Structures are given as structure tokens and as C-alpha cells.
């Protein structure tokens, strides 16, 4: 299965989504390849890595590997799951990855502007896309956005969501994935539930 993590808008949690889902999948014995297609190449900082060649890395998890800047073509036969962390925006390369994916996860913060970017993606005729709400708080504006999403067809959003958390905010500073920071937290459990919805 190939999953692209995409959004036209930046700062919505694409990399943290990709890293945490890949980690939890590998811990469940799913042979996973995390493709870092973003210019910043941030995925590998969240792991202890061993460089295999110029752009291919083995992590401390036996079923998780990282590949930088590579098209998923002809790779799916070697892995049970491929997760692609795409950069913000939309161009030919991004569209190519999306078209080869079985599922497109759209991490979205609970705001009207963020929802508008989802509608833009729909206009690109992207199929199999599902909204994943990130950074959700218990406040009225967020509740209103959730209500709007719940009016969409159920195939267009995840029932589970990621609450706002210091654990997520600390990931770049600690350079660790969520399982290393807080393995038994409600945040880690939320990612597990999302993975359950996928597989």
C-alpha cells in the first residue's frame, strides 16, 4: 500500500504524521518505507539511522527504512507499506506521487482557511483523499470546523484525530518520534487508531 501525506498549505503536520504513522506501523511488524520527498529532508532527524547509501537509511526499527527523494515506482513489491512525506504545494512531481498512491492523507488544522485548501485539492481531481485533523483543541472555533467536516461523506475524513499536545511540539527539539517521547500517551494511541482506520 502506498500512502501520500499531502497538503497545499505548510505547517499542518505532514512530516509528524508521516513519521509517527511509519513508526507505529513498523512496530506492528509492517515492513515500512518512509519516503522523504520534502526539500527540508527532516524525516531522518527523528530516528537513529544507519546510512546504507547516499539517500537510503536503516532506522533503529527493524521494519522501518527511509528513502530520500525517490519516486515510489517499483518499490511497493519490497514493502508492505510506503508512506511519502510530500512538500507543500502542488506540482507535477507531487501530482505524480499522488496518482500512484492508494490513499492520500491531508493533515489539516481545524480552521476554515485550512479546509479551503482541502477544497483546492479536490479541484485537482484527487481521489482517495481523507482529512486528518491535527492540533485539535476543546474550543468553540475548533468544534465548528469539526461539525463542518462531519457533514462530508465518511470516506473523506478520519474518525480519529490528533489533539494539540506538547509531545508533538517537542518532536523537532528532541529529535524523536512520538513513540520515543510518550509511548503510552493518548497522542500515541490516537496515531494507532488512525493506522487501524487505514489497514
N, C-alpha and C. Protein backbone atom coordinates (compact mmCIF):
# COMPACT_ATOMS: atom_id res chain seq x y z
N UNK A 1 0.84 -1.20 0.00
CA UNK A 1 0.00 0.00 0.00
C UNK A 1 0.87 1.25 0.00
N UNK A 2 0.51 2.23 -0.82
CA UNK A 2 1.25 3.48 -0.90
C UNK A 2 0.36 4.61 -0.39
N UNK A 3 0.88 5.37 0.57
CA UNK A 3 0.15 6.50 1.15
C UNK A 3 0.96 7.78 0.95
N UNK A 4 0.33 8.80 0.40
CA UNK A 4 0.96 10.12 0.31
C UNK A 4 0.39 11.03 1.39
N UNK A 5 1.28 11.77 2.05
CA UNK A 5 0.87 12.77 3.03
C UNK A 5 1.03 14.13 2.36
N UNK A 6 -0.09 14.80 2.08
CA UNK A 6 -0.02 15.99 1.23
C UNK A 6 -0.96 17.08 1.70
N UNK A 7 -0.55 18.32 1.46
CA UNK A 7 -1.43 19.47 1.64
C UNK A 7 -0.79 20.64 0.91
N UNK A 8 -1.59 21.46 0.26
CA UNK A 8 -1.06 22.66 -0.40
C UNK A 8 -0.44 23.59 0.63
N UNK A 9 -1.04 23.63 1.81
CA UNK A 9 -0.61 24.52 2.89
C UNK A 9 0.52 23.87 3.70
N UNK A 10 1.48 24.67 4.13
CA UNK A 10 2.53 24.20 5.01
C UNK A 10 2.16 24.34 6.47
N UNK A 11 2.93 23.72 7.35
CA UNK A 11 2.73 23.86 8.78
C UNK A 11 1.48 23.19 9.33
N UNK A 12 1.02 22.14 8.66
CA UNK A 12 -0.20 21.46 9.11
C UNK A 12 0.09 20.08 9.71
N UNK A 13 1.37 19.70 9.77
CA UNK A 13 1.73 18.43 10.40
C UNK A 13 1.96 17.28 9.45
N UNK A 14 2.38 17.57 8.24
CA UNK A 14 2.63 16.48 7.26
C UNK A 14 3.76 15.57 7.72
N UNK A 15 4.89 16.16 8.10
CA UNK A 15 6.05 15.34 8.47
C UNK A 15 5.81 14.56 9.75
N UNK A 16 5.22 15.21 10.77
CA UNK A 16 4.96 14.48 12.01
C UNK A 16 3.97 13.34 11.77
N UNK A 17 3.00 13.56 10.89
CA UNK A 17 2.06 12.49 10.55
C UNK A 17 2.78 11.33 9.88
N UNK A 18 3.62 11.65 8.91
CA UNK A 18 4.35 10.61 8.18
C UNK A 18 5.27 9.82 9.10
N UNK A 19 6.03 10.53 9.92
CA UNK A 19 7.00 9.90 10.82
C UNK A 19 6.31 9.01 11.85
N UNK A 20 5.26 9.52 12.46
CA UNK A 20 4.61 8.77 13.53
C UNK A 20 3.82 7.57 13.02
N UNK A 21 3.15 7.72 11.89
CA UNK A 21 2.44 6.58 11.32
C UNK A 21 3.41 5.49 10.87
N UNK A 22 4.53 5.91 10.26
CA UNK A 22 5.54 4.93 9.81
C UNK A 22 6.14 4.19 11.00
N UNK A 23 6.43 4.91 12.08
CA UNK A 23 7.00 4.29 13.27
C UNK A 23 6.04 3.25 13.85
N UNK A 24 4.80 3.64 14.05
CA UNK A 24 3.84 2.73 14.67
C UNK A 24 3.54 1.54 13.78
N UNK A 25 3.49 1.75 12.47
CA UNK A 25 3.29 0.63 11.55
C UNK A 25 4.43 -0.38 11.66
N UNK A 26 5.67 0.13 11.70
CA UNK A 26 6.83 -0.77 11.77
C UNK A 26 6.84 -1.55 13.09
N UNK A 27 6.39 -0.91 14.16
CA UNK A 27 6.34 -1.58 15.46
C UNK A 27 5.28 -2.69 15.50
N UNK A 28 4.37 -2.64 14.55
CA UNK A 28 3.37 -3.70 14.43
C UNK A 28 3.79 -4.78 13.44
N UNK A 29 5.07 -4.74 13.04
CA UNK A 29 5.60 -5.76 12.16
C UNK A 29 5.31 -5.53 10.69
N UNK A 30 4.88 -4.31 10.34
CA UNK A 30 4.61 -3.97 8.95
C UNK A 30 5.89 -3.40 8.34
N UNK A 31 6.42 -4.07 7.31
CA UNK A 31 7.66 -3.59 6.69
C UNK A 31 7.36 -2.29 5.95
N UNK A 32 7.96 -1.20 6.44
CA UNK A 32 7.56 0.15 6.03
C UNK A 32 8.73 0.93 5.45
N UNK A 33 8.45 1.62 4.34
CA UNK A 33 9.41 2.55 3.75
C UNK A 33 8.84 3.95 3.86
N UNK A 34 9.59 4.84 4.50
CA UNK A 34 9.22 6.24 4.61
C UNK A 34 10.01 7.03 3.57
N UNK A 35 9.31 7.57 2.59
CA UNK A 35 9.97 8.35 1.54
C UNK A 35 9.88 9.83 1.89
N UNK A 36 11.02 10.46 2.04
CA UNK A 36 11.07 11.89 2.36
C UNK A 36 11.27 12.66 1.06
N UNK A 37 10.15 13.17 0.52
CA UNK A 37 10.21 13.92 -0.73
C UNK A 37 10.22 15.42 -0.51
N UNK A 38 10.28 15.84 0.74
CA UNK A 38 10.28 17.27 1.08
C UNK A 38 11.69 17.84 0.93
N UNK A 39 11.76 19.11 0.59
CA UNK A 39 13.06 19.76 0.39
C UNK A 39 13.87 19.80 1.68
N UNK A 40 13.18 19.95 2.83
CA UNK A 40 13.88 20.09 4.11
C UNK A 40 14.54 18.79 4.57
N UNK A 41 14.09 17.64 4.07
CA UNK A 41 14.66 16.33 4.42
C UNK A 41 14.72 16.16 5.95
N UNK A 42 13.58 16.35 6.59
CA UNK A 42 13.54 16.35 8.06
C UNK A 42 13.23 14.98 8.66
N UNK A 43 12.73 14.05 7.88
CA UNK A 43 12.25 12.78 8.46
C UNK A 43 13.32 12.04 9.26
N UNK A 44 14.53 12.02 8.76
CA UNK A 44 15.55 11.18 9.40
C UNK A 44 16.02 11.70 10.76
N UNK A 45 15.73 12.98 11.07
CA UNK A 45 16.20 13.50 12.36
C UNK A 45 15.45 12.88 13.54
N UNK A 46 14.32 12.24 13.27
CA UNK A 46 13.51 11.67 14.35
C UNK A 46 13.91 10.23 14.69
N UNK A 47 14.98 9.74 14.06
CA UNK A 47 15.39 8.36 14.25
C UNK A 47 16.90 8.25 14.45
N UNK A 48 17.32 7.13 14.99
CA UNK A 48 18.73 6.75 14.93
C UNK A 48 18.89 6.02 13.60
N UNK A 49 19.79 6.51 12.77
CA UNK A 49 19.86 5.96 11.41
C UNK A 49 21.24 5.41 11.08
N UNK A 50 21.22 4.47 10.17
CA UNK A 50 22.46 3.94 9.60
C UNK A 50 22.35 4.13 8.10
N UNK A 51 23.28 4.89 7.53
CA UNK A 51 23.22 5.18 6.10
C UNK A 51 23.66 3.97 5.29
N UNK A 52 22.78 3.52 4.40
CA UNK A 52 23.09 2.36 3.55
C UNK A 52 23.77 2.81 2.27
N UNK A 53 23.22 3.88 1.67
CA UNK A 53 23.90 4.55 0.55
C UNK A 53 23.54 6.04 0.61
N UNK A 54 23.73 6.75 -0.49
CA UNK A 54 23.58 8.21 -0.44
C UNK A 54 22.24 8.70 0.07
N UNK A 55 21.18 8.00 -0.28
CA UNK A 55 19.86 8.51 0.11
C UNK A 55 18.95 7.45 0.74
N UNK A 56 19.55 6.37 1.22
CA UNK A 56 18.78 5.27 1.80
C UNK A 56 19.31 4.97 3.20
N UNK A 57 18.38 4.89 4.19
CA UNK A 57 18.79 4.74 5.58
C UNK A 57 17.99 3.63 6.25
N UNK A 58 18.68 2.93 7.14
CA UNK A 58 18.01 1.98 8.02
C UNK A 58 17.83 2.67 9.37
N UNK A 59 16.67 2.48 9.99
CA UNK A 59 16.43 3.07 11.31
C UNK A 59 16.66 2.03 12.40
N UNK A 60 16.48 2.45 13.65
CA UNK A 60 16.63 1.52 14.76
C UNK A 60 15.50 0.51 14.83
N UNK A 61 14.46 0.73 14.04
CA UNK A 61 13.35 -0.23 13.98
C UNK A 61 13.58 -1.17 12.81
N UNK A 62 13.55 -2.46 13.07
CA UNK A 62 13.97 -3.43 12.04
C UNK A 62 13.08 -3.41 10.79
N UNK A 63 11.86 -2.90 10.92
CA UNK A 63 10.95 -2.89 9.77
C UNK A 63 10.72 -1.50 9.20
N UNK A 64 11.61 -0.55 9.51
CA UNK A 64 11.42 0.82 9.01
C UNK A 64 12.69 1.35 8.34
N UNK A 65 12.52 1.77 7.09
CA UNK A 65 13.61 2.34 6.30
C UNK A 65 13.18 3.71 5.78
N UNK A 66 14.19 4.55 5.50
CA UNK A 66 13.91 5.89 4.97
C UNK A 66 14.65 6.06 3.64
N UNK A 67 13.91 6.59 2.68
CA UNK A 67 14.49 6.89 1.37
C UNK A 67 14.21 8.35 1.05
N UNK A 68 15.25 9.08 0.65
CA UNK A 68 15.08 10.50 0.34
C UNK A 68 14.96 10.72 -1.16
N UNK A 69 13.94 11.53 -1.53
CA UNK A 69 13.80 11.99 -2.91
C UNK A 69 13.72 10.86 -3.93
N UNK A 70 12.74 10.01 -3.80
CA UNK A 70 12.62 8.90 -4.76
C UNK A 70 11.16 8.65 -5.11
N UNK A 71 10.92 8.39 -6.34
CA UNK A 71 9.58 8.04 -6.80
C UNK A 71 9.24 6.63 -6.33
N UNK A 72 7.99 6.40 -5.89
CA UNK A 72 7.66 5.06 -5.38
C UNK A 72 7.55 3.96 -6.42
N UNK A 73 7.80 4.26 -7.68
CA UNK A 73 7.68 3.27 -8.74
C UNK A 73 8.56 2.05 -8.47
N UNK A 74 7.97 0.87 -8.63
CA UNK A 74 8.66 -0.42 -8.50
C UNK A 74 9.18 -0.71 -7.08
N UNK A 75 8.73 0.04 -6.09
CA UNK A 75 9.19 -0.21 -4.72
C UNK A 75 8.17 -0.98 -3.90
N UNK A 76 6.90 -0.94 -4.31
CA UNK A 76 5.84 -1.50 -3.48
C UNK A 76 5.99 -3.00 -3.26
N UNK A 77 6.64 -3.70 -4.16
CA UNK A 77 6.79 -5.15 -4.00
C UNK A 77 7.76 -5.51 -2.87
N UNK A 78 8.59 -4.55 -2.46
CA UNK A 78 9.57 -4.82 -1.40
C UNK A 78 9.08 -4.45 0.00
N UNK A 79 7.96 -3.74 0.09
CA UNK A 79 7.47 -3.25 1.38
C UNK A 79 5.96 -3.48 1.49
N UNK A 80 5.50 -3.66 2.71
CA UNK A 80 4.06 -3.77 2.95
C UNK A 80 3.39 -2.41 2.89
N UNK A 81 4.15 -1.37 3.29
CA UNK A 81 3.59 -0.03 3.37
C UNK A 81 4.65 0.99 2.96
N UNK A 82 4.26 1.91 2.09
CA UNK A 82 5.12 3.03 1.71
C UNK A 82 4.39 4.32 2.07
N UNK A 83 5.06 5.17 2.85
CA UNK A 83 4.48 6.46 3.24
C UNK A 83 5.37 7.57 2.66
N UNK A 84 4.76 8.47 1.89
CA UNK A 84 5.51 9.53 1.23
C UNK A 84 5.19 10.87 1.88
N UNK A 85 6.21 11.52 2.44
CA UNK A 85 6.07 12.86 3.02
C UNK A 85 6.31 13.87 1.90
N UNK A 86 5.23 14.47 1.39
CA UNK A 86 5.34 15.40 0.27
C UNK A 86 5.48 16.84 0.74
N UNK A 87 6.12 17.68 -0.06
CA UNK A 87 6.23 19.10 0.30
C UNK A 87 4.89 19.80 0.13
N UNK A 88 4.77 21.00 0.70
CA UNK A 88 3.57 21.81 0.50
C UNK A 88 3.47 22.23 -0.97
N UNK A 89 2.25 22.48 -1.41
CA UNK A 89 2.05 22.93 -2.78
C UNK A 89 1.53 21.82 -3.68
N UNK A 90 1.53 22.10 -4.97
CA UNK A 90 1.11 21.12 -5.97
C UNK A 90 1.89 21.37 -7.25
N UNK A 91 2.64 20.38 -7.69
CA UNK A 91 3.35 20.46 -8.97
C UNK A 91 3.32 19.08 -9.63
N UNK A 92 4.00 18.94 -10.73
CA UNK A 92 3.95 17.69 -11.49
C UNK A 92 4.48 16.51 -10.68
N UNK A 93 5.56 16.72 -9.94
CA UNK A 93 6.16 15.65 -9.15
C UNK A 93 5.22 15.20 -8.03
N UNK A 94 4.63 16.19 -7.34
CA UNK A 94 3.69 15.87 -6.27
C UNK A 94 2.48 15.13 -6.82
N UNK A 95 1.93 15.64 -7.91
CA UNK A 95 0.75 15.00 -8.53
C UNK A 95 1.09 13.57 -8.97
N UNK A 96 2.30 13.36 -9.46
CA UNK A 96 2.72 12.03 -9.89
C UNK A 96 2.71 11.04 -8.72
N UNK A 97 3.25 11.48 -7.56
CA UNK A 97 3.23 10.63 -6.36
C UNK A 97 1.80 10.34 -5.92
N UNK A 98 0.99 11.37 -5.94
CA UNK A 98 -0.41 11.23 -5.52
C UNK A 98 -1.15 10.23 -6.41
N UNK A 99 -0.92 10.34 -7.70
CA UNK A 99 -1.61 9.45 -8.64
C UNK A 99 -1.23 7.99 -8.47
N UNK A 100 -0.04 7.73 -7.91
CA UNK A 100 0.41 6.36 -7.70
C UNK A 100 0.08 5.84 -6.30
N UNK A 101 -0.62 6.65 -5.52
CA UNK A 101 -0.92 6.30 -4.13
C UNK A 101 -2.31 5.67 -4.00
N UNK A 102 -2.41 4.75 -3.06
CA UNK A 102 -3.70 4.14 -2.76
C UNK A 102 -4.55 5.03 -1.85
N UNK A 103 -3.88 5.87 -1.08
CA UNK A 103 -4.56 6.77 -0.14
C UNK A 103 -3.76 8.06 -0.01
N UNK A 104 -4.47 9.18 0.03
CA UNK A 104 -3.82 10.47 0.26
C UNK A 104 -4.36 11.02 1.57
N UNK A 105 -3.48 11.19 2.54
CA UNK A 105 -3.87 11.77 3.83
C UNK A 105 -3.59 13.26 3.79
N UNK A 106 -4.62 14.05 4.10
CA UNK A 106 -4.50 15.50 4.10
C UNK A 106 -4.51 16.00 5.55
N UNK A 107 -3.34 16.15 6.18
CA UNK A 107 -3.32 16.72 7.54
C UNK A 107 -3.84 18.15 7.49
N UNK A 108 -4.75 18.46 8.39
CA UNK A 108 -5.43 19.75 8.36
C UNK A 108 -5.62 20.27 9.78
N UNK A 109 -5.25 21.53 10.00
CA UNK A 109 -5.56 22.13 11.29
C UNK A 109 -7.02 22.58 11.27
N UNK A 110 -7.69 22.63 12.43
CA UNK A 110 -9.12 22.93 12.46
C UNK A 110 -9.41 24.42 12.27
N UNK A 111 -9.26 24.88 11.03
CA UNK A 111 -9.58 26.27 10.71
C UNK A 111 -10.26 26.30 9.34
N UNK A 112 -11.01 27.36 9.10
CA UNK A 112 -11.71 27.49 7.82
C UNK A 112 -10.72 27.61 6.67
N UNK A 113 -9.62 28.35 6.89
CA UNK A 113 -8.62 28.51 5.84
C UNK A 113 -8.01 27.17 5.46
N UNK A 114 -7.75 26.33 6.47
CA UNK A 114 -7.18 25.01 6.19
C UNK A 114 -8.16 24.14 5.41
N UNK A 115 -9.44 24.25 5.74
CA UNK A 115 -10.45 23.50 5.00
C UNK A 115 -10.54 23.97 3.54
N UNK A 116 -10.32 25.25 3.31
CA UNK A 116 -10.34 25.77 1.95
C UNK A 116 -9.23 25.14 1.11
N UNK A 117 -8.08 24.85 1.73
CA UNK A 117 -7.01 24.21 0.98
C UNK A 117 -7.40 22.78 0.60
N UNK A 118 -8.18 22.12 1.46
CA UNK A 118 -8.69 20.79 1.12
C UNK A 118 -9.58 20.88 -0.12
N UNK A 119 -10.44 21.89 -0.16
CA UNK A 119 -11.32 22.07 -1.33
C UNK A 119 -10.51 22.33 -2.59
N UNK A 120 -9.37 23.03 -2.46
CA UNK A 120 -8.49 23.24 -3.60
C UNK A 120 -7.95 21.90 -4.11
N UNK A 121 -7.57 21.02 -3.18
CA UNK A 121 -7.06 19.70 -3.58
C UNK A 121 -8.14 18.90 -4.30
N UNK A 122 -9.36 19.01 -3.85
CA UNK A 122 -10.46 18.33 -4.52
C UNK A 122 -10.58 18.82 -5.96
N UNK A 123 -10.34 20.11 -6.16
CA UNK A 123 -10.41 20.68 -7.51
C UNK A 123 -9.34 20.12 -8.44
N UNK A 124 -8.26 19.57 -7.85
CA UNK A 124 -7.23 18.92 -8.67
C UNK A 124 -7.63 17.49 -9.05
N UNK A 125 -8.87 17.12 -8.75
CA UNK A 125 -9.42 15.80 -9.07
C UNK A 125 -8.63 14.68 -8.39
N UNK A 126 -8.24 14.94 -7.14
CA UNK A 126 -7.53 13.93 -6.37
C UNK A 126 -8.55 12.99 -5.74
N UNK A 127 -8.35 11.72 -5.96
CA UNK A 127 -9.25 10.71 -5.42
C UNK A 127 -8.62 10.05 -4.19
N UNK A 128 -9.44 9.35 -3.42
CA UNK A 128 -8.97 8.61 -2.24
C UNK A 128 -8.27 9.51 -1.22
N UNK A 129 -8.73 10.76 -1.10
CA UNK A 129 -8.14 11.70 -0.13
C UNK A 129 -9.00 11.74 1.12
N UNK A 130 -8.33 11.76 2.28
CA UNK A 130 -9.04 11.82 3.55
C UNK A 130 -8.40 12.87 4.46
N UNK A 131 -9.23 13.68 5.07
CA UNK A 131 -8.77 14.72 6.00
C UNK A 131 -8.38 14.07 7.33
N UNK A 132 -7.22 14.47 7.84
CA UNK A 132 -6.79 14.09 9.18
C UNK A 132 -6.64 15.38 9.99
N UNK A 133 -7.48 15.54 10.99
CA UNK A 133 -7.42 16.76 11.81
C UNK A 133 -6.26 16.69 12.80
N UNK A 134 -5.44 17.72 12.78
CA UNK A 134 -4.28 17.86 13.67
C UNK A 134 -4.47 19.04 14.61
N UNK A 135 -3.84 18.94 15.77
CA UNK A 135 -3.77 20.11 16.66
C UNK A 135 -5.15 20.56 17.14
N UNK A 136 -6.00 19.61 17.44
CA UNK A 136 -7.38 19.92 17.82
C UNK A 136 -7.46 20.28 19.30
N UNK A 137 -8.13 21.38 19.58
CA UNK A 137 -8.35 21.82 20.96
C UNK A 137 -9.85 21.83 21.28
N UNK A 138 -10.16 21.87 22.58
CA UNK A 138 -11.56 21.92 23.01
C UNK A 138 -12.01 23.38 23.09
N UNK A 139 -12.14 23.99 21.93
CA UNK A 139 -12.65 25.35 21.91
C UNK A 139 -13.69 25.48 20.79
N UNK A 140 -14.49 26.52 20.89
CA UNK A 140 -15.68 26.63 20.05
C UNK A 140 -15.35 26.66 18.56
N UNK A 141 -14.32 27.41 18.18
CA UNK A 141 -13.98 27.51 16.75
C UNK A 141 -13.59 26.15 16.18
N UNK A 142 -12.86 25.35 16.97
CA UNK A 142 -12.47 24.02 16.51
C UNK A 142 -13.68 23.10 16.39
N UNK A 143 -14.61 23.23 17.34
CA UNK A 143 -15.82 22.42 17.30
C UNK A 143 -16.63 22.70 16.03
N UNK A 144 -16.68 23.96 15.63
CA UNK A 144 -17.43 24.34 14.43
C UNK A 144 -16.80 23.74 13.18
N UNK A 145 -15.48 23.70 13.12
CA UNK A 145 -14.80 23.10 11.97
C UNK A 145 -15.05 21.59 11.93
N UNK A 146 -14.98 20.96 13.11
CA UNK A 146 -15.27 19.53 13.19
C UNK A 146 -16.69 19.24 12.70
N UNK A 147 -17.62 20.08 13.07
CA UNK A 147 -19.00 19.90 12.62
C UNK A 147 -19.12 19.99 11.10
N UNK A 148 -18.35 20.89 10.49
CA UNK A 148 -18.35 21.00 9.03
C UNK A 148 -17.79 19.75 8.38
N UNK A 149 -16.71 19.23 8.96
CA UNK A 149 -16.09 18.02 8.40
C UNK A 149 -17.03 16.83 8.52
N UNK A 150 -17.75 16.74 9.62
CA UNK A 150 -18.67 15.62 9.83
C UNK A 150 -19.83 15.61 8.83
N UNK A 151 -20.02 16.72 8.13
CA UNK A 151 -21.05 16.78 7.10
C UNK A 151 -20.56 16.20 5.77
N UNK A 152 -19.26 15.99 5.66
CA UNK A 152 -18.70 15.39 4.45
C UNK A 152 -18.99 13.89 4.43
N UNK A 153 -18.91 13.24 3.26
CA UNK A 153 -19.01 11.78 3.22
C UNK A 153 -17.97 11.13 4.13
N UNK A 154 -18.32 10.06 4.80
CA UNK A 154 -17.42 9.43 5.78
C UNK A 154 -16.11 8.98 5.17
N UNK A 155 -16.10 8.73 3.87
CA UNK A 155 -14.87 8.28 3.20
C UNK A 155 -13.86 9.40 3.05
N UNK A 156 -14.25 10.65 3.39
CA UNK A 156 -13.37 11.80 3.16
C UNK A 156 -12.65 12.29 4.42
N UNK A 157 -12.84 11.62 5.56
CA UNK A 157 -12.15 12.05 6.77
C UNK A 157 -11.93 10.85 7.71
N UNK A 158 -10.93 11.01 8.59
CA UNK A 158 -10.67 10.01 9.62
C UNK A 158 -11.53 10.31 10.84
N UNK A 159 -12.09 9.27 11.43
CA UNK A 159 -12.88 9.45 12.66
C UNK A 159 -11.98 9.88 13.81
N UNK A 160 -10.76 9.35 13.84
CA UNK A 160 -9.79 9.73 14.88
C UNK A 160 -9.11 11.04 14.49
N UNK A 161 -8.60 11.75 15.48
CA UNK A 161 -7.89 13.00 15.23
C UNK A 161 -6.73 13.12 16.22
N UNK A 162 -5.84 14.08 15.96
CA UNK A 162 -4.68 14.29 16.82
C UNK A 162 -4.91 15.55 17.66
N UNK A 163 -5.04 15.40 18.99
CA UNK A 163 -5.23 16.57 19.85
C UNK A 163 -3.96 17.42 19.91
N UNK A 164 -4.14 18.69 20.25
CA UNK A 164 -2.98 19.57 20.47
C UNK A 164 -2.19 19.00 21.64
N UNK A 165 -0.85 18.95 21.48
CA UNK A 165 -0.03 18.32 22.51
C UNK A 165 1.38 18.87 22.51
N UNK A 166 1.93 19.04 23.70
CA UNK A 166 3.34 19.43 23.81
C UNK A 166 4.25 18.33 23.29
N UNK A 167 3.81 17.08 23.36
CA UNK A 167 4.64 15.98 22.85
C UNK A 167 4.93 16.17 21.36
N UNK A 168 3.91 16.56 20.61
CA UNK A 168 4.09 16.80 19.17
C UNK A 168 4.99 18.01 18.95
N UNK A 169 4.75 19.08 19.70
CA UNK A 169 5.56 20.29 19.57
C UNK A 169 7.02 20.04 19.91
N UNK A 170 7.28 19.10 20.82
CA UNK A 170 8.65 18.82 21.25
C UNK A 170 9.42 17.90 20.30
N UNK A 171 8.72 17.28 19.37
CA UNK A 171 9.40 16.32 18.48
C UNK A 171 10.64 16.91 17.78
N UNK A 172 10.52 18.09 17.13
CA UNK A 172 11.70 18.63 16.44
C UNK A 172 12.84 19.00 17.40
N UNK A 173 12.50 19.46 18.62
CA UNK A 173 13.53 19.86 19.58
C UNK A 173 14.26 18.64 20.15
N UNK A 174 13.49 17.59 20.44
CA UNK A 174 14.08 16.37 20.99
C UNK A 174 14.62 15.45 19.90
N UNK A 175 14.22 15.72 18.65
CA UNK A 175 14.58 14.90 17.50
C UNK A 175 14.24 13.43 17.75
N UNK A 176 13.01 13.23 18.19
CA UNK A 176 12.50 11.89 18.45
C UNK A 176 11.06 11.79 17.95
N UNK A 177 10.66 10.57 17.56
CA UNK A 177 9.27 10.36 17.16
C UNK A 177 8.39 10.24 18.40
N UNK A 178 7.08 10.23 18.20
CA UNK A 178 6.15 10.25 19.33
C UNK A 178 6.27 9.01 20.20
N UNK A 179 6.61 7.88 19.60
CA UNK A 179 6.72 6.65 20.39
C UNK A 179 7.89 6.73 21.37
N UNK A 180 8.96 7.40 20.98
CA UNK A 180 10.11 7.57 21.87
C UNK A 180 9.80 8.58 22.98
N UNK A 181 9.02 9.61 22.66
CA UNK A 181 8.74 10.66 23.64
C UNK A 181 7.67 10.22 24.64
N UNK A 182 6.60 9.64 24.12
CA UNK A 182 5.46 9.32 25.00
C UNK A 182 4.74 8.07 24.49
N UNK A 183 5.34 6.89 24.70
CA UNK A 183 4.79 5.66 24.09
C UNK A 183 3.40 5.28 24.57
N UNK A 184 3.04 5.69 25.78
CA UNK A 184 1.73 5.30 26.33
C UNK A 184 0.75 6.46 26.41
N UNK A 185 1.05 7.54 25.73
CA UNK A 185 0.20 8.73 25.81
C UNK A 185 -1.04 8.59 24.93
N UNK A 186 -2.00 9.48 25.17
CA UNK A 186 -3.21 9.49 24.34
C UNK A 186 -2.88 9.90 22.91
N UNK A 187 -1.78 10.63 22.70
CA UNK A 187 -1.37 11.02 21.35
C UNK A 187 -0.92 9.79 20.56
N UNK A 188 -0.08 8.98 21.17
CA UNK A 188 0.38 7.75 20.52
C UNK A 188 -0.81 6.84 20.22
N UNK A 189 -1.74 6.75 21.16
CA UNK A 189 -2.94 5.94 20.95
C UNK A 189 -3.78 6.48 19.80
N UNK A 190 -3.79 7.80 19.63
CA UNK A 190 -4.54 8.41 18.52
C UNK A 190 -3.95 8.00 17.18
N UNK A 191 -2.61 8.00 17.08
CA UNK A 191 -1.97 7.56 15.83
C UNK A 191 -2.25 6.08 15.57
N UNK A 192 -2.27 5.29 16.61
CA UNK A 192 -2.59 3.87 16.45
C UNK A 192 -4.01 3.69 15.90
N UNK A 193 -4.94 4.50 16.38
CA UNK A 193 -6.32 4.41 15.90
C UNK A 193 -6.41 4.81 14.42
N UNK A 194 -5.63 5.81 14.05
CA UNK A 194 -5.61 6.23 12.64
C UNK A 194 -5.08 5.12 11.76
N UNK A 195 -4.01 4.48 12.23
CA UNK A 195 -3.45 3.36 11.46
C UNK A 195 -4.47 2.24 11.33
N UNK A 196 -5.24 1.99 12.38
CA UNK A 196 -6.29 0.97 12.33
C UNK A 196 -7.34 1.31 11.28
N UNK A 197 -7.65 2.59 11.13
CA UNK A 197 -8.61 3.00 10.11
C UNK A 197 -8.07 2.78 8.70
N UNK A 198 -6.73 2.82 8.59
CA UNK A 198 -6.11 2.65 7.26
C UNK A 198 -6.03 1.18 6.87
N UNK A 199 -5.59 0.35 7.85
CA UNK A 199 -5.34 -1.05 7.49
C UNK A 199 -6.42 -1.98 8.05
